[in-house]
Amino acid sequence: MNKKAHRVKDLAAILDMGESTIWKLASDKNSDFPRPIKITSRLTVWKEEDIQAWLDTQNAKEKSCK
Protein backbone atom coordinates (compact mmCIF):
# COMPACT_ATOMS: atom_id res chain seq x y z
CA MET A 1 0.00 0.00 0.00
CA ASN A 2 2.11 2.91 -1.23
CA LYS A 3 -0.78 5.27 -1.82
CA LYS A 4 -1.17 8.41 0.22
CA ALA A 5 -4.91 8.68 -0.52
CA HIS A 6 -7.67 6.19 -1.27
CA ARG A 7 -10.80 6.38 -3.35
CA VAL A 8 -13.98 4.87 -1.95
CA LYS A 9 -13.63 1.66 -3.98
CA ASP A 10 -10.12 1.04 -2.63
CA LEU A 11 -11.20 1.96 0.87
CA ALA A 12 -14.09 -0.52 0.70
CA ALA A 13 -11.62 -3.31 -0.04
CA ILE A 14 -9.17 -2.21 2.65
CA LEU A 15 -11.84 -1.87 5.35
CA ASP A 16 -13.90 -4.83 4.14
CA MET A 17 -17.12 -2.83 4.06
CA GLY A 18 -19.43 -1.59 1.36
CA GLU A 19 -19.02 1.72 -0.41
CA SER A 20 -22.46 2.86 0.78
CA THR A 21 -21.44 2.14 4.38
CA ILE A 22 -18.34 4.27 3.95
CA TRP A 23 -20.38 7.14 2.53
CA LYS A 24 -22.88 6.79 5.39
CA LEU A 25 -20.10 6.92 8.00
CA ALA A 26 -18.45 9.87 6.25
CA SER A 27 -21.67 11.88 6.15
CA ASP A 28 -22.71 11.12 9.75
CA LYS A 29 -21.85 14.18 11.87
CA ASN A 30 -21.73 12.00 15.03
CA SER A 31 -19.30 9.50 13.51
CA ASP A 32 -15.57 9.70 14.16
CA PHE A 33 -14.89 8.33 10.68
CA PRO A 34 -12.45 10.56 8.76
CA ARG A 35 -13.92 13.20 6.50
CA PRO A 36 -13.16 12.81 2.80
CA ILE A 37 -11.34 15.34 0.68
CA LYS A 38 -13.12 16.46 -2.47
CA ILE A 39 -10.49 16.84 -5.21
CA THR A 40 -12.91 17.57 -8.06
CA SER A 41 -16.67 17.31 -8.47
CA ARG A 42 -16.24 13.60 -9.28
CA LEU A 43 -13.18 12.65 -7.24
CA THR A 44 -13.20 12.23 -3.48
CA VAL A 45 -10.40 10.63 -1.47
CA TRP A 46 -9.46 9.84 2.12
CA LYS A 47 -5.93 10.39 3.41
CA GLU A 48 -4.20 7.14 4.31
CA GLU A 49 -2.95 8.49 7.64
CA ASP A 50 -6.50 9.52 8.64
CA ILE A 51 -7.80 6.03 7.88
CA GLN A 52 -4.94 4.41 9.78
CA ALA A 53 -5.57 6.63 12.80
CA TRP A 54 -9.27 5.72 12.70
CA LEU A 55 -8.43 2.01 12.51
CA ASP A 56 -6.05 2.36 15.46
CA THR A 57 -8.81 4.05 17.47
CA GLN A 58 -11.29 1.30 16.57
CA ASN A 59 -8.80 -1.38 17.61
CA ALA A 60 -8.15 0.40 20.92
CA LYS A 61 -11.91 0.61 21.58
CA GLU A 62 -12.28 -3.13 20.92
CA LYS A 63 -9.45 -3.99 23.29
CA SER A 64 -10.84 -1.79 26.08
CA CYS A 65 -14.25 -3.49 25.82
CA LYS A 66 -12.77 -6.96 26.38
C-alpha atoms as a PDB file:
ATOM      1  CA  MET A   1       0.000   0.000   0.000  1.00  0.00           C
ATOM      2  CA  ASN A   2       2.109   2.907  -1.227  1.00  0.00           C
ATOM      3  CA  LYS A   3      -0.781   5.270  -1.820  1.00  0.00           C
ATOM      4  CA  LYS A   4      -1.175   8.410   0.219  1.00  0.00           C
ATOM      5  CA  ALA A   5      -4.910   8.678  -0.518  1.00  0.00           C
ATOM      6  CA  HIS A   6      -7.667   6.193  -1.268  1.00  0.00           C
ATOM      7  CA  ARG A   7     -10.802   6.377  -3.350  1.00  0.00           C
ATOM      8  CA  VAL A   8     -13.984   4.868  -1.953  1.00  0.00           C
ATOM      9  CA  LYS A   9     -13.631   1.662  -3.978  1.00  0.00           C
ATOM     10  CA  ASP A  10     -10.118   1.044  -2.629  1.00  0.00           C
ATOM     11  CA  LEU A  11     -11.198   1.964   0.868  1.00  0.00           C
ATOM     12  CA  ALA A  12     -14.089  -0.515   0.704  1.00  0.00           C
ATOM     13  CA  ALA A  13     -11.623  -3.308  -0.044  1.00  0.00           C
ATOM     14  CA  ILE A  14      -9.175  -2.210   2.654  1.00  0.00           C
ATOM     15  CA  LEU A  15     -11.843  -1.870   5.352  1.00  0.00           C
ATOM     16  CA  ASP A  16     -13.899  -4.828   4.143  1.00  0.00           C
ATOM     17  CA  MET A  17     -17.122  -2.827   4.057  1.00  0.00           C
ATOM     18  CA  GLY A  18     -19.435  -1.588   1.364  1.00  0.00           C
ATOM     19  CA  GLU A  19     -19.024   1.716  -0.409  1.00  0.00           C
ATOM     20  CA  SER A  20     -22.457   2.862   0.784  1.00  0.00           C
ATOM     21  CA  THR A  21     -21.436   2.140   4.382  1.00  0.00           C
ATOM     22  CA  ILE A  22     -18.337   4.272   3.946  1.00  0.00           C
ATOM     23  CA  TRP A  23     -20.378   7.137   2.527  1.00  0.00           C
ATOM     24  CA  LYS A  24     -22.877   6.794   5.391  1.00  0.00           C
ATOM     25  CA  LEU A  25     -20.096   6.920   8.000  1.00  0.00           C
ATOM     26  CA  ALA A  26     -18.448   9.874   6.245  1.00  0.00           C
ATOM     27  CA  SER A  27     -21.673  11.878   6.149  1.00  0.00           C
ATOM     28  CA  ASP A  28     -22.708  11.123   9.746  1.00  0.00           C
ATOM     29  CA  LYS A  29     -21.853  14.177  11.871  1.00  0.00           C
ATOM     30  CA  ASN A  30     -21.729  12.002  15.031  1.00  0.00           C
ATOM     31  CA  SER A  31     -19.296   9.504  13.513  1.00  0.00           C
ATOM     32  CA  ASP A  32     -15.568   9.704  14.164  1.00  0.00           C
ATOM     33  CA  PHE A  33     -14.893   8.334  10.676  1.00  0.00           C
ATOM     34  CA  PRO A  34     -12.452  10.562   8.756  1.00  0.00           C
ATOM     35  CA  ARG A  35     -13.921  13.203   6.499  1.00  0.00           C
ATOM     36  CA  PRO A  36     -13.163  12.811   2.800  1.00  0.00           C
ATOM     37  CA  ILE A  37     -11.340  15.341   0.681  1.00  0.00           C
ATOM     38  CA  LYS A  38     -13.121  16.456  -2.474  1.00  0.00           C
ATOM     39  CA  ILE A  39     -10.495  16.838  -5.212  1.00  0.00           C
ATOM     40  CA  THR A  40     -12.910  17.566  -8.063  1.00  0.00           C
ATOM     41  CA  SER A  41     -16.669  17.309  -8.475  1.00  0.00           C
ATOM     42  CA  ARG A  42     -16.242  13.604  -9.285  1.00  0.00           C
ATOM     43  CA  LEU A  43     -13.182  12.653  -7.244  1.00  0.00           C
ATOM     44  CA  THR A  44     -13.198  12.228  -3.478  1.00  0.00           C
ATOM     45  CA  VAL A  45     -10.399  10.628  -1.469  1.00  0.00           C
ATOM     46  CA  TRP A  46      -9.458   9.836   2.121  1.00  0.00           C
ATOM     47  CA  LYS A  47      -5.935  10.388   3.412  1.00  0.00           C
ATOM     48  CA  GLU A  48      -4.202   7.144   4.311  1.00  0.00           C
ATOM     49  CA  GLU A  49      -2.953   8.490   7.641  1.00  0.00           C
ATOM     50  CA  ASP A  50      -6.503   9.521   8.637  1.00  0.00           C
ATOM     51  CA  ILE A  51      -7.797   6.032   7.879  1.00  0.00           C
ATOM     52  CA  GLN A  52      -4.940   4.406   9.776  1.00  0.00           C
ATOM     53  CA  ALA A  53      -5.569   6.634  12.797  1.00  0.00           C
ATOM     54  CA  TRP A  54      -9.267   5.725  12.705  1.00  0.00           C
ATOM     55  CA  LEU A  55      -8.428   2.014  12.513  1.00  0.00           C
ATOM     56  CA  ASP A  56      -6.053   2.360  15.464  1.00  0.00           C
ATOM     57  CA  THR A  57      -8.813   4.049  17.467  1.00  0.00           C
ATOM     58  CA  GLN A  58     -11.289   1.301  16.569  1.00  0.00           C
ATOM     59  CA  ASN A  59      -8.798  -1.380  17.614  1.00  0.00           C
ATOM     60  CA  ALA A  60      -8.148   0.402  20.923  1.00  0.00           C
ATOM     61  CA  LYS A  61     -11.908   0.608  21.576  1.00  0.00           C
ATOM     62  CA  GLU A  62     -12.280  -3.132  20.917  1.00  0.00           C
ATOM     63  CA  LYS A  63      -9.445  -3.986  23.289  1.00  0.00           C
ATOM     64  CA  SER A  64     -10.840  -1.788  26.079  1.00  0.00           C
ATOM     65  CA  CYS A  65     -14.246  -3.492  25.819  1.00  0.00           C
ATOM     66  CA  LYS A  66     -12.767  -6.958  26.377  1.00  0.00           C
END
